[in-house]
Amino acid sequence: MAEPARKVFPKWQLAYYYFRKWHEEDTLKRLNFRLNIQERHGKVASPSLMSVGTQRVKVTRL
């Protein structure tokens, strides 16, 4: 039986925080650009470059 979504995914506020941060720093654009370059040169794009969501992030209160 699958785990409930609340146990699998972080709180939406945390996901949104990192989305906004990476968007403002153009991190998402840079990752996409690198993946497109690899694809154009015939290399297989490694999914590990985009597996950010599966890594655990230590969160501390500010």
PDB file of N, CA and C in Angstrom:
ATOM      1  N   MET A   1       0.846  -1.190   0.000  1.00  0.00           N
ATOM      2  CA  MET A   1       0.000   0.000   0.000  1.00  0.00           C
ATOM      3  C   MET A   1       0.885   1.244   0.000  1.00  0.00           C
ATOM      4  N   ALA A   2       0.527   2.230  -0.773  1.00  0.00           N
ATOM      5  CA  ALA A   2       1.314   3.456  -0.888  1.00  0.00           C
ATOM      6  C   ALA A   2       1.188   4.311   0.368  1.00  0.00           C
ATOM      7  N   GLU A   3       2.275   5.024   0.659  1.00  0.00           N
ATOM      8  CA  GLU A   3       2.256   5.923   1.817  1.00  0.00           C
ATOM      9  C   GLU A   3       1.437   7.164   1.486  1.00  0.00           C
ATOM     10  N   PRO A   4       0.819   7.751   2.495  1.00  0.00           N
ATOM     11  CA  PRO A   4       0.090   9.007   2.250  1.00  0.00           C
ATOM     12  C   PRO A   4       1.051  10.099   1.758  1.00  0.00           C
ATOM     13  N   ALA A   5       0.553  10.986   0.942  1.00  0.00           N
ATOM     14  CA  ALA A   5       1.375  12.043   0.356  1.00  0.00           C
ATOM     15  C   ALA A   5       2.044  12.901   1.421  1.00  0.00           C
ATOM     16  N   ARG A   6       1.400  13.114   2.551  1.00  0.00           N
ATOM     17  CA  ARG A   6       1.987  13.979   3.579  1.00  0.00           C
ATOM     18  C   ARG A   6       3.251  13.384   4.184  1.00  0.00           C
ATOM     19  N   LYS A   7       3.429  12.053   4.082  1.00  0.00           N
ATOM     20  CA  LYS A   7       4.644  11.424   4.576  1.00  0.00           C
ATOM     21  C   LYS A   7       5.735  11.375   3.515  1.00  0.00           C
ATOM     22  N   VAL A   8       5.356  11.425   2.258  1.00  0.00           N
ATOM     23  CA  VAL A   8       6.303  11.313   1.159  1.00  0.00           C
ATOM     24  C   VAL A   8       6.862  12.670   0.756  1.00  0.00           C
ATOM     25  N   PHE A   9       6.018  13.668   0.710  1.00  0.00           N
ATOM     26  CA  PHE A   9       6.422  14.985   0.245  1.00  0.00           C
ATOM     27  C   PHE A   9       6.590  15.948   1.418  1.00  0.00           C
ATOM     28  N   PRO A  10       7.487  16.939   1.250  1.00  0.00           N
ATOM     29  CA  PRO A  10       7.615  17.957   2.308  1.00  0.00           C
ATOM     30  C   PRO A  10       6.405  18.878   2.299  1.00  0.00           C
ATOM     31  N   LYS A  11       6.314  19.713   3.307  1.00  0.00           N
ATOM     32  CA  LYS A  11       5.239  20.703   3.337  1.00  0.00           C
ATOM     33  C   LYS A  11       5.360  21.602   2.112  1.00  0.00           C
ATOM     34  N   TRP A  12       4.233  22.064   1.626  1.00  0.00           N
ATOM     35  CA  TRP A  12       4.246  22.856   0.396  1.00  0.00           C
ATOM     36  C   TRP A  12       5.043  24.139   0.583  1.00  0.00           C
ATOM     37  N   GLN A  13       5.084  24.679   1.787  1.00  0.00           N
ATOM     38  CA  GLN A  13       5.818  25.922   2.031  1.00  0.00           C
ATOM     39  C   GLN A  13       7.316  25.730   1.781  1.00  0.00           C
ATOM     40  N   LEU A  14       7.838  24.582   2.178  1.00  0.00           N
ATOM     41  CA  LEU A  14       9.259  24.295   1.977  1.00  0.00           C
ATOM     42  C   LEU A  14       9.564  24.122   0.487  1.00  0.00           C
ATOM     43  N   ALA A  15       8.723  23.378  -0.202  1.00  0.00           N
ATOM     44  CA  ALA A  15       8.914  23.192  -1.640  1.00  0.00           C
ATOM     45  C   ALA A  15       8.824  24.529  -2.370  1.00  0.00           C
ATOM     46  N   TYR A  16       7.862  25.363  -1.979  1.00  0.00           N
ATOM     47  CA  TYR A  16       7.705  26.661  -2.619  1.00  0.00           C
ATOM     48  C   TYR A  16       8.902  27.556  -2.320  1.00  0.00           C
ATOM     49  N   TYR A  17       9.435  27.507  -1.106  1.00  0.00           N
ATOM     50  CA  TYR A  17      10.605  28.310  -0.735  1.00  0.00           C
ATOM     51  C   TYR A  17      11.771  28.005  -1.681  1.00  0.00           C
ATOM     52  N   TYR A  18      12.073  26.709  -1.864  1.00  0.00           N
ATOM     53  CA  TYR A  18      13.188  26.344  -2.727  1.00  0.00           C
ATOM     54  C   TYR A  18      12.893  26.639  -4.191  1.00  0.00           C
ATOM     55  N   PHE A  19      11.663  26.468  -4.632  1.00  0.00           N
ATOM     56  CA  PHE A  19      11.310  26.819  -6.006  1.00  0.00           C
ATOM     57  C   PHE A  19      11.574  28.299  -6.255  1.00  0.00           C
ATOM     58  N   ARG A  20      11.099  29.156  -5.344  1.00  0.00           N
ATOM     59  CA  ARG A  20      11.304  30.607  -5.506  1.00  0.00           C
ATOM     60  C   ARG A  20      12.786  30.967  -5.480  1.00  0.00           C
ATOM     61  N   LYS A  21      13.513  30.369  -4.542  1.00  0.00           N
ATOM     62  CA  LYS A  21      14.946  30.654  -4.415  1.00  0.00           C
ATOM     63  C   LYS A  21      15.681  30.267  -5.694  1.00  0.00           C
ATOM     64  N   TRP A  22      15.429  29.044  -6.189  1.00  0.00           N
ATOM     65  CA  TRP A  22      16.110  28.580  -7.398  1.00  0.00           C
ATOM     66  C   TRP A  22      15.657  29.366  -8.622  1.00  0.00           C
ATOM     67  N   HIS A  23      14.408  29.792  -8.630  1.00  0.00           N
ATOM     68  CA  HIS A  23      13.914  30.599  -9.746  1.00  0.00           C
ATOM     69  C   HIS A  23      14.616  31.960  -9.764  1.00  0.00           C
ATOM     70  N   GLU A  24      14.726  32.588  -8.609  1.00  0.00           N
ATOM     71  CA  GLU A  24      15.377  33.899  -8.519  1.00  0.00           C
ATOM     72  C   GLU A  24      16.866  33.826  -8.853  1.00  0.00           C
ATOM     73  N   GLU A  25      17.525  32.726  -8.516  1.00  0.00           N
ATOM     74  CA  GLU A  25      18.948  32.555  -8.783  1.00  0.00           C
ATOM     75  C   GLU A  25      19.211  31.964 -10.167  1.00  0.00           C
ATOM     76  N   ASP A  26      18.163  31.735 -10.935  1.00  0.00           N
ATOM     77  CA  ASP A  26      18.239  31.127 -12.273  1.00  0.00           C
ATOM     78  C   ASP A  26      18.832  29.722 -12.254  1.00  0.00           C
ATOM     79  N   THR A  27      18.757  29.053 -11.117  1.00  0.00           N
ATOM     80  CA  THR A  27      19.265  27.690 -11.005  1.00  0.00           C
ATOM     81  C   THR A  27      18.510  26.750 -11.941  1.00  0.00           C
ATOM     82  N   LEU A  28      17.201  26.876 -12.009  1.00  0.00           N
ATOM     83  CA  LEU A  28      16.404  25.998 -12.866  1.00  0.00           C
ATOM     84  C   LEU A  28      16.746  26.209 -14.341  1.00  0.00           C
ATOM     85  N   LYS A  29      16.967  27.460 -14.748  1.00  0.00           N
ATOM     86  CA  LYS A  29      17.342  27.742 -16.138  1.00  0.00           C
ATOM     87  C   LYS A  29      18.707  27.152 -16.461  1.00  0.00           C
ATOM     88  N   ARG A  30      19.659  27.267 -15.518  1.00  0.00           N
ATOM     89  CA  ARG A  30      20.999  26.733 -15.743  1.00  0.00           C
ATOM     90  C   ARG A  30      20.984  25.209 -15.849  1.00  0.00           C
ATOM     91  N   LEU A  31      20.198  24.551 -15.000  1.00  0.00           N
ATOM     92  CA  LEU A  31      20.085  23.095 -15.086  1.00  0.00           C
ATOM     93  C   LEU A  31      19.494  22.670 -16.423  1.00  0.00           C
ATOM     94  N   ASN A  32      18.439  23.356 -16.836  1.00  0.00           N
ATOM     95  CA  ASN A  32      17.797  23.043 -18.109  1.00  0.00           C
ATOM     96  C   ASN A  32      18.760  23.275 -19.271  1.00  0.00           C
ATOM     97  N   PHE A  33      19.517  24.357 -19.222  1.00  0.00           N
ATOM     98  CA  PHE A  33      20.485  24.673 -20.272  1.00  0.00           C
ATOM     99  C   PHE A  33      21.537  23.575 -20.375  1.00  0.00           C
ATOM    100  N   ARG A  34      22.076  23.138 -19.223  1.00  0.00           N
ATOM    101  CA  ARG A  34      23.101  22.084 -19.215  1.00  0.00           C
ATOM    102  C   ARG A  34      22.543  20.772 -19.773  1.00  0.00           C
ATOM    103  N   LEU A  35      21.319  20.436 -19.412  1.00  0.00           N
ATOM    104  CA  LEU A  35      20.715  19.210 -19.928  1.00  0.00           C
ATOM    105  C   LEU A  35      20.529  19.286 -21.439  1.00  0.00           C
ATOM    106  N   ASN A  36      20.139  20.451 -21.948  1.00  0.00           N
ATOM    107  CA  ASN A  36      19.952  20.623 -23.390  1.00  0.00           C
ATOM    108  C   ASN A  36      21.280  20.532 -24.132  1.00  0.00           C
ATOM    109  N   ILE A  37      22.351  21.067 -23.556  1.00  0.00           N
ATOM    110  CA  ILE A  37      23.671  20.976 -24.190  1.00  0.00           C
ATOM    111  C   ILE A  37      24.091  19.519 -24.290  1.00  0.00           C
ATOM    112  N   GLN A  38      23.919  18.764 -23.218  1.00  0.00           N
ATOM    113  CA  GLN A  38      24.290  17.351 -23.238  1.00  0.00           C
ATOM    114  C   GLN A  38      23.496  16.598 -24.294  1.00  0.00           C
ATOM    115  N   GLU A  39      22.228  16.904 -24.417  1.00  0.00           N
ATOM    116  CA  GLU A  39      21.385  16.223 -25.402  1.00  0.00           C
ATOM    117  C   GLU A  39      21.837  16.548 -26.820  1.00  0.00           C
ATOM    118  N   ARG A  40      22.201  17.816 -27.072  1.00  0.00           N
ATOM    119  CA  ARG A  40      22.646  18.217 -28.411  1.00  0.00           C
ATOM    120  C   ARG A  40      23.949  17.541 -28.807  1.00  0.00           C
ATOM    121  N   HIS A  41      24.797  17.248 -27.827  1.00  0.00           N
ATOM    122  CA  HIS A  41      26.085  16.619 -28.114  1.00  0.00           C
ATOM    123  C   HIS A  41      26.004  15.097 -28.087  1.00  0.00           C
ATOM    124  N   GLY A  42      24.802  14.568 -28.060  1.00  0.00           N
ATOM    125  CA  GLY A  42      24.609  13.128 -28.136  1.00  0.00           C
ATOM    126  C   GLY A  42      24.811  12.389 -26.832  1.00  0.00           C
ATOM    127  N   LYS A  43      24.990  13.104 -25.757  1.00  0.00           N
ATOM    128  CA  LYS A  43      25.139  12.451 -24.457  1.00  0.00           C
ATOM    129  C   LYS A  43      23.762  12.227 -23.867  1.00  0.00           C
ATOM    130  N   VAL A  44      23.643  11.170 -23.115  1.00  0.00           N
ATOM    131  CA  VAL A  44      22.389  10.895 -22.435  1.00  0.00           C
ATOM    132  C   VAL A  44      22.352  11.758 -21.173  1.00  0.00           C
ATOM    133  N   ALA A  45      21.316  12.557 -21.048  1.00  0.00           N
ATOM    134  CA  ALA A  45      21.179  13.411 -19.873  1.00  0.00           C
ATOM    135  C   ALA A  45      20.937  12.548 -18.649  1.00  0.00           C
ATOM    136  N   SER A  46      21.717  12.771 -17.638  1.00  0.00           N
ATOM    137  CA  SER A  46      21.608  11.972 -16.420  1.00  0.00           C
ATOM    138  C   SER A  46      20.453  12.467 -15.568  1.00  0.00           C
ATOM    139  N   PRO A  47      19.521  11.592 -15.236  1.00  0.00           N
ATOM    140  CA  PRO A  47      18.406  12.010 -14.394  1.00  0.00           C
ATOM    141  C   PRO A  47      18.861  12.456 -13.012  1.00  0.00           C
ATOM    142  N   SER A  48      20.065  12.074 -12.603  1.00  0.00           N
ATOM    143  CA  SER A  48      20.546  12.469 -11.283  1.00  0.00           C
ATOM    144  C   SER A  48      20.702  13.982 -11.175  1.00  0.00           C
ATOM    145  N   LEU A  49      20.843  14.669 -12.304  1.00  0.00           N
ATOM    146  CA  LEU A  49      20.948  16.123 -12.262  1.00  0.00           C
ATOM    147  C   LEU A  49      19.656  16.775 -11.787  1.00  0.00           C
ATOM    148  N   MET A  50      18.539  16.112 -12.010  1.00  0.00           N
ATOM    149  CA  MET A  50      17.260  16.684 -11.649  1.00  0.00           C
ATOM    150  C   MET A  50      16.583  15.957 -10.496  1.00  0.00           C
ATOM    151  N   SER A  51      17.313  15.125  -9.788  1.00  0.00           N
ATOM    152  CA  SER A  51      16.717  14.392  -8.685  1.00  0.00           C
ATOM    153  C   SER A  51      16.797  15.164  -7.374  1.00  0.00           C
ATOM    154  N   VAL A  52      16.748  16.456  -7.469  1.00  0.00           N
ATOM    155  CA  VAL A  52      16.835  17.319  -6.301  1.00  0.00           C
ATOM    156  C   VAL A  52      15.717  17.014  -5.322  1.00  0.00           C
ATOM    157  N   GLY A  53      14.534  16.721  -5.834  1.00  0.00           N
ATOM    158  CA  GLY A  53      13.383  16.486  -4.981  1.00  0.00           C
ATOM    159  C   GLY A  53      13.480  15.237  -4.128  1.00  0.00           C
ATOM    160  N   THR A  54      14.350  14.311  -4.487  1.00  0.00           N
ATOM    161  CA  THR A  54      14.451  13.086  -3.709  1.00  0.00           C
ATOM    162  C   THR A  54      15.474  13.179  -2.597  1.00  0.00           C
ATOM    163  N   GLN A  55      16.235  14.263  -2.569  1.00  0.00           N
ATOM    164  CA  GLN A  55      17.243  14.422  -1.527  1.00  0.00           C
ATOM    165  C   GLN A  55      16.617  15.086  -0.313  1.00  0.00           C
ATOM    166  N   ARG A  56      17.113  14.720   0.842  1.00  0.00           N
ATOM    167  CA  ARG A  56      16.613  15.323   2.072  1.00  0.00           C
ATOM    168  C   ARG A  56      17.394  16.597   2.360  1.00  0.00           C
ATOM    169  N   VAL A  57      16.700  17.599   2.821  1.00  0.00           N
ATOM    170  CA  VAL A  57      17.302  18.868   3.159  1.00  0.00           C
ATOM    171  C   VAL A  57      17.108  19.111   4.640  1.00  0.00           C
ATOM    172  N   LYS A  58      18.198  19.395   5.357  1.00  0.00           N
ATOM    173  CA  LYS A  58      18.088  19.690   6.774  1.00  0.00           C
ATOM    174  C   LYS A  58      17.485  21.084   6.927  1.00  0.00           C
ATOM    175  N   VAL A  59      16.435  21.180   7.681  1.00  0.00           N
ATOM    176  CA  VAL A  59      15.727  22.449   7.846  1.00  0.00           C
ATOM    177  C   VAL A  59      15.888  22.914   9.290  1.00  0.00           C
ATOM    178  N   THR A  60      16.266  24.164   9.440  1.00  0.00           N
ATOM    179  CA  THR A  60      16.337  24.756  10.777  1.00  0.00           C
ATOM    180  C   THR A  60      15.474  25.996  10.809  1.00  0.00           C
ATOM    181  N   ARG A  61      14.941  26.272  11.957  1.00  0.00           N
ATOM    182  CA  ARG A  61      14.099  27.470  12.091  1.00  0.00           C
ATOM    183  C   ARG A  61      14.973  28.706  12.141  1.00  0.00           C
ATOM    184  N   LEU A  62      14.490  29.776  11.537  1.00  0.00           N
ATOM    185  CA  LEU A  62      15.226  31.042  11.542  1.00  0.00           C
ATOM    186  C   LEU A  62      14.809  31.877  12.720  1.00  0.00           C
TER     187      LEU A  62
END
